[in-house]
Each structure stands twice: as structure tokens, then as C-alpha cells.
N, C-alpha and C. Protein backbone atom coordinates (compact mmCIF):
# COMPACT_ATOMS: atom_id res chain seq x y z
N MET A 1 269.95 163.50 -109.80
CA MET A 1 270.36 162.31 -109.09
C MET A 1 271.61 162.60 -108.28
N GLY A 2 271.69 162.08 -107.07
CA GLY A 2 272.79 162.37 -106.17
C GLY A 2 273.88 161.32 -106.22
N LYS A 3 274.72 161.38 -105.20
CA LYS A 3 275.81 160.42 -105.05
C LYS A 3 275.36 159.33 -104.08
N MET A 4 275.72 158.11 -104.40
CA MET A 4 275.39 156.98 -103.54
C MET A 4 276.50 156.79 -102.51
N TRP A 5 276.11 156.59 -101.26
CA TRP A 5 277.04 156.28 -100.19
C TRP A 5 276.33 155.45 -99.14
N VAL A 6 277.10 154.80 -98.27
CA VAL A 6 276.55 153.86 -97.30
C VAL A 6 276.97 154.28 -95.89
N GLU A 7 276.01 154.21 -95.00
CA GLU A 7 276.29 154.40 -93.58
C GLU A 7 276.01 153.05 -92.91
N ALA A 8 276.94 152.59 -92.10
CA ALA A 8 276.81 151.28 -91.46
C ALA A 8 277.05 151.41 -89.96
N ILE A 9 276.13 150.85 -89.19
CA ILE A 9 276.27 150.83 -87.74
C ILE A 9 276.24 149.38 -87.30
N ARG A 10 277.37 148.92 -86.76
CA ARG A 10 277.50 147.53 -86.34
C ARG A 10 277.57 147.47 -84.82
N VAL A 11 276.90 146.48 -84.25
CA VAL A 11 276.97 146.26 -82.81
C VAL A 11 277.38 144.82 -82.53
N ARG A 12 278.24 144.65 -81.53
CA ARG A 12 278.61 143.32 -81.03
C ARG A 12 277.98 143.19 -79.66
N SER A 13 277.05 142.27 -79.55
CA SER A 13 276.26 142.13 -78.34
C SER A 13 275.98 140.65 -78.10
N SER A 14 274.86 140.38 -77.46
CA SER A 14 274.42 139.00 -77.27
C SER A 14 273.11 138.81 -78.03
N ALA A 15 272.83 137.60 -78.42
CA ALA A 15 271.58 137.31 -79.12
C ALA A 15 270.38 137.70 -78.26
N THR A 16 270.46 137.47 -76.96
CA THR A 16 269.36 137.80 -76.05
C THR A 16 269.09 139.31 -76.02
N ALA A 17 270.16 140.10 -75.92
CA ALA A 17 270.01 141.56 -75.89
C ALA A 17 269.42 142.07 -77.20
N LEU A 18 269.87 141.51 -78.32
CA LEU A 18 269.35 141.95 -79.62
C LEU A 18 267.89 141.59 -79.79
N GLU A 19 267.49 140.44 -79.30
CA GLU A 19 266.08 140.04 -79.38
C GLU A 19 265.20 141.02 -78.62
N LYS A 20 265.66 141.47 -77.46
CA LYS A 20 264.89 142.42 -76.65
C LYS A 20 264.75 143.77 -77.34
N ALA A 21 265.75 144.15 -78.12
CA ALA A 21 265.75 145.46 -78.79
C ALA A 21 265.17 145.40 -80.20
N ALA A 22 264.83 144.22 -80.69
CA ALA A 22 264.45 144.03 -82.09
C ALA A 22 263.26 144.87 -82.53
N THR A 23 262.20 144.90 -81.74
CA THR A 23 261.00 145.64 -82.15
C THR A 23 261.28 147.11 -82.33
N ALA A 24 261.94 147.72 -81.35
CA ALA A 24 262.25 149.15 -81.43
C ALA A 24 263.19 149.44 -82.60
N LEU A 25 264.19 148.58 -82.80
CA LEU A 25 265.13 148.78 -83.91
C LEU A 25 264.43 148.65 -85.25
N ASN A 26 263.58 147.65 -85.41
CA ASN A 26 262.83 147.49 -86.65
C ASN A 26 261.95 148.71 -86.93
N ASN A 27 261.34 149.27 -85.90
CA ASN A 27 260.50 150.46 -86.06
C ASN A 27 261.32 151.66 -86.51
N GLU A 28 262.51 151.83 -85.94
CA GLU A 28 263.37 152.95 -86.34
C GLU A 28 263.84 152.81 -87.79
N VAL A 29 264.20 151.60 -88.18
CA VAL A 29 264.64 151.38 -89.57
C VAL A 29 263.47 151.62 -90.53
N LYS A 30 262.28 151.24 -90.14
CA LYS A 30 261.10 151.47 -90.97
C LYS A 30 260.89 152.98 -91.17
N LYS A 31 261.05 153.78 -90.13
CA LYS A 31 260.91 155.23 -90.23
C LYS A 31 261.97 155.82 -91.17
N ILE A 32 263.20 155.30 -91.06
CA ILE A 32 264.28 155.79 -91.93
C ILE A 32 263.96 155.49 -93.39
N ASN A 33 263.35 154.35 -93.66
CA ASN A 33 263.00 154.00 -95.04
C ASN A 33 261.96 154.93 -95.64
N GLU A 34 261.28 155.71 -94.82
CA GLU A 34 260.28 156.66 -95.32
C GLU A 34 260.91 157.98 -95.74
N LEU A 35 262.19 158.19 -95.46
CA LEU A 35 262.88 159.42 -95.85
C LEU A 35 263.10 159.46 -97.36
N VAL A 36 263.07 160.65 -97.91
CA VAL A 36 263.22 160.82 -99.36
C VAL A 36 264.64 160.48 -99.82
N SER A 37 265.66 160.89 -99.06
CA SER A 37 267.03 160.74 -99.54
C SER A 37 267.65 159.38 -99.25
N VAL A 38 266.96 158.52 -98.53
CA VAL A 38 267.52 157.19 -98.28
C VAL A 38 266.98 156.23 -99.34
N GLU A 39 267.89 155.51 -99.98
CA GLU A 39 267.47 154.51 -100.97
C GLU A 39 266.88 153.30 -100.26
N LYS A 40 267.57 152.87 -99.20
CA LYS A 40 267.09 151.70 -98.46
C LYS A 40 267.86 151.61 -97.14
N ALA A 41 267.14 151.25 -96.10
CA ALA A 41 267.76 150.95 -94.81
C ALA A 41 267.34 149.54 -94.43
N PHE A 42 268.29 148.75 -93.95
CA PHE A 42 267.96 147.38 -93.59
C PHE A 42 268.92 146.85 -92.53
N ILE A 43 268.51 145.78 -91.89
CA ILE A 43 269.27 145.16 -90.81
C ILE A 43 269.75 143.79 -91.27
N MET A 44 271.01 143.48 -90.96
CA MET A 44 271.53 142.15 -91.25
C MET A 44 272.21 141.60 -90.01
N GLN A 45 272.18 140.28 -89.88
CA GLN A 45 272.80 139.58 -88.76
C GLN A 45 274.00 138.81 -89.28
N HIS A 46 275.03 138.73 -88.47
CA HIS A 46 276.23 137.98 -88.84
C HIS A 46 275.85 136.51 -89.06
N ALA A 47 276.43 135.89 -90.06
CA ALA A 47 276.10 134.51 -90.41
C ALA A 47 276.53 133.51 -89.34
N THR A 48 277.56 133.84 -88.57
CA THR A 48 278.07 132.91 -87.57
C THR A 48 277.79 133.35 -86.13
N TYR A 49 277.93 134.65 -85.86
CA TYR A 49 277.80 135.15 -84.50
C TYR A 49 276.44 135.82 -84.30
N ASP A 50 275.57 135.17 -83.55
CA ASP A 50 274.20 135.65 -83.35
C ASP A 50 274.14 137.02 -82.67
N GLY A 51 275.18 137.42 -81.98
CA GLY A 51 275.17 138.71 -81.29
C GLY A 51 275.67 139.86 -82.12
N ASP A 52 276.08 139.62 -83.36
CA ASP A 52 276.55 140.69 -84.24
C ASP A 52 275.44 141.10 -85.19
N LEU A 53 275.21 142.40 -85.24
CA LEU A 53 274.13 142.95 -86.07
C LEU A 53 274.64 144.22 -86.73
N ILE A 54 274.17 144.48 -87.94
CA ILE A 54 274.55 145.72 -88.63
C ILE A 54 273.33 146.35 -89.28
N VAL A 55 273.25 147.66 -89.18
CA VAL A 55 272.21 148.42 -89.86
C VAL A 55 272.88 149.15 -91.01
N PHE A 56 272.41 148.90 -92.22
CA PHE A 56 272.91 149.59 -93.41
C PHE A 56 271.90 150.64 -93.84
N MET A 57 272.41 151.82 -94.20
CA MET A 57 271.57 152.85 -94.80
C MET A 57 272.24 153.29 -96.10
N LEU A 58 271.56 153.07 -97.20
CA LEU A 58 272.07 153.46 -98.52
C LEU A 58 271.48 154.82 -98.85
N TRP A 59 272.34 155.82 -98.94
CA TRP A 59 271.91 157.19 -99.19
C TRP A 59 272.17 157.56 -100.64
N ASN A 60 271.37 158.46 -101.18
CA ASN A 60 271.54 158.96 -102.54
C ASN A 60 271.17 160.44 -102.51
N ASN A 61 272.19 161.29 -102.29
CA ASN A 61 271.93 162.72 -102.22
C ASN A 61 273.20 163.50 -102.55
N GLU A 62 273.13 164.80 -102.43
CA GLU A 62 274.26 165.65 -102.79
C GLU A 62 275.05 166.13 -101.58
N VAL A 63 274.69 165.68 -100.38
CA VAL A 63 275.43 166.12 -99.20
C VAL A 63 276.73 165.36 -99.07
N LYS A 64 277.67 165.95 -98.32
CA LYS A 64 278.94 165.28 -98.07
C LYS A 64 278.67 164.03 -97.23
N PRO A 65 279.13 162.87 -97.68
CA PRO A 65 278.91 161.64 -96.89
C PRO A 65 279.48 161.79 -95.48
N ASP A 66 278.63 161.62 -94.51
CA ASP A 66 279.01 161.76 -93.11
C ASP A 66 277.98 161.05 -92.26
N LYS A 67 278.29 160.84 -91.00
CA LYS A 67 277.32 160.24 -90.09
C LYS A 67 276.09 161.13 -90.01
N THR A 68 274.93 160.53 -90.21
CA THR A 68 273.68 161.30 -90.22
C THR A 68 273.03 161.31 -88.85
N ARG A 69 272.07 162.19 -88.71
CA ARG A 69 271.28 162.25 -87.47
C ARG A 69 270.61 160.90 -87.22
N GLU A 70 270.09 160.31 -88.28
CA GLU A 70 269.43 159.00 -88.17
C GLU A 70 270.41 157.92 -87.74
N GLY A 71 271.59 157.93 -88.34
CA GLY A 71 272.61 156.95 -87.99
C GLY A 71 273.09 157.12 -86.55
N LEU A 72 273.26 158.36 -86.13
CA LEU A 72 273.68 158.62 -84.75
C LEU A 72 272.61 158.17 -83.76
N MET A 73 271.35 158.32 -84.14
CA MET A 73 270.25 157.87 -83.29
C MET A 73 270.29 156.34 -83.13
N ILE A 74 270.47 155.64 -84.25
CA ILE A 74 270.56 154.17 -84.21
C ILE A 74 271.78 153.75 -83.38
N ALA A 75 272.92 154.42 -83.61
CA ALA A 75 274.15 154.07 -82.89
C ALA A 75 273.97 154.27 -81.39
N GLU A 76 273.30 155.34 -81.00
CA GLU A 76 273.07 155.60 -79.58
C GLU A 76 272.23 154.50 -78.95
N ARG A 77 271.20 154.08 -79.67
CA ARG A 77 270.33 152.99 -79.16
C ARG A 77 271.13 151.69 -79.06
N LEU A 78 271.91 151.37 -80.09
CA LEU A 78 272.66 150.11 -80.10
C LEU A 78 273.81 150.11 -79.10
N GLN A 79 274.34 151.29 -78.77
CA GLN A 79 275.45 151.39 -77.83
C GLN A 79 275.05 150.87 -76.45
N GLU A 80 273.77 150.92 -76.15
CA GLU A 80 273.28 150.39 -74.89
C GLU A 80 273.43 148.86 -74.84
N LEU A 81 273.57 148.23 -76.03
CA LEU A 81 273.62 146.78 -76.12
C LEU A 81 275.02 146.21 -76.22
N GLY A 82 275.98 147.03 -76.66
CA GLY A 82 277.33 146.50 -76.83
C GLY A 82 278.24 147.48 -77.55
N THR A 83 279.34 146.96 -78.07
CA THR A 83 280.35 147.76 -78.76
C THR A 83 279.85 148.15 -80.15
N ILE A 84 280.04 149.41 -80.50
CA ILE A 84 279.54 149.97 -81.77
C ILE A 84 280.69 150.31 -82.71
N ASP A 85 280.46 150.09 -84.00
CA ASP A 85 281.32 150.61 -85.06
C ASP A 85 280.40 151.34 -86.01
N HIS A 86 280.52 152.65 -86.09
CA HIS A 86 279.67 153.48 -86.95
C HIS A 86 280.56 154.09 -88.03
N ALA A 87 280.33 153.73 -89.28
CA ALA A 87 281.21 154.16 -90.37
C ALA A 87 280.42 154.59 -91.59
N VAL A 88 281.06 155.41 -92.40
CA VAL A 88 280.49 155.88 -93.67
C VAL A 88 281.39 155.38 -94.79
N TRP A 89 280.77 154.82 -95.83
CA TRP A 89 281.50 154.22 -96.95
C TRP A 89 281.11 154.92 -98.25
N ILE A 90 282.10 155.12 -99.12
CA ILE A 90 281.86 155.73 -100.43
C ILE A 90 282.39 154.77 -101.50
N PRO A 91 281.99 154.99 -102.77
CA PRO A 91 282.53 154.14 -103.85
C PRO A 91 284.06 154.20 -103.87
N ALA A 92 284.71 153.11 -104.23
CA ALA A 92 286.16 152.95 -104.12
C ALA A 92 286.91 153.52 -105.31
N LYS A 93 286.60 154.71 -105.74
CA LYS A 93 287.25 155.30 -106.91
C LYS A 93 288.71 155.67 -106.65
N LYS A 94 289.05 155.99 -105.41
CA LYS A 94 290.41 156.43 -105.11
C LYS A 94 291.45 155.33 -105.31
N ILE A 95 291.04 154.08 -105.27
CA ILE A 95 292.00 152.98 -105.46
C ILE A 95 291.81 152.29 -106.81
N GLY A 96 291.05 152.92 -107.70
CA GLY A 96 290.90 152.39 -109.04
C GLY A 96 289.77 151.40 -109.21
N VAL A 97 288.96 151.21 -108.20
CA VAL A 97 287.80 150.32 -108.31
C VAL A 97 286.58 151.20 -108.54
N HIS A 98 285.77 150.83 -109.51
CA HIS A 98 284.60 151.65 -109.82
C HIS A 98 283.34 150.84 -109.53
N GLU A 99 282.29 151.59 -109.11
CA GLU A 99 281.02 150.93 -108.85
C GLU A 99 280.46 150.36 -110.14
N SER A 100 279.75 149.24 -110.03
CA SER A 100 279.18 148.62 -111.23
C SER A 100 278.01 149.43 -111.74
N GLU A 101 277.89 149.44 -113.01
CA GLU A 101 276.81 150.18 -113.67
C GLU A 101 275.57 149.36 -113.76
């Protein structure tokens, strides 16, 4: 069993632009979910701002947590729609918070 980490790609755009890109984005996330080392990839929309969208990829492997080829591909597609924030998150052990069992 590997280490769990999260890759998140957030875009700030318009609801109209996101609707136009929805089919292609859903297809890419579906392909990512077929990978062995990804636990789950999914898309979430901001509760208040219709133009904010984030793609989460939960990874479980032994590689150093870093931006993946898949994440960079999603970020490149979303960058056409607006401002991107692409980040990698790890469990918060360094500040004394531990992941729940």
C-alpha cells in the first residue's frame, strides 16, 4: 500500500465557459479514474461562484507527491478557460495533524 496524496487543479472562469468544456473535462476525468494508482478523480463546483471549478485526484502510490502528467494535462485544458491554481497536498503531519484512520 502506498502513500495517499491529493492533486488539485482549480480554475476561475465563467459558468458559460465551463459548460462548453464540461463534456471533454468529464471524459478526461473518467480516463484518469481508470488508472491503477489513482484512488479517485472527481470534479467539484464552488457552492457560490458558478465559474469556479476544481478537479481532485486522490493518489495512492510510492512516488514523490508532485504534479502528474494527468494533472498537467487537465491544467493545460482548463488554462484556456481562466486562471489556474494547480497544487499538490499531503497529510498534515508536519504541523501535528494526522490523517484519520
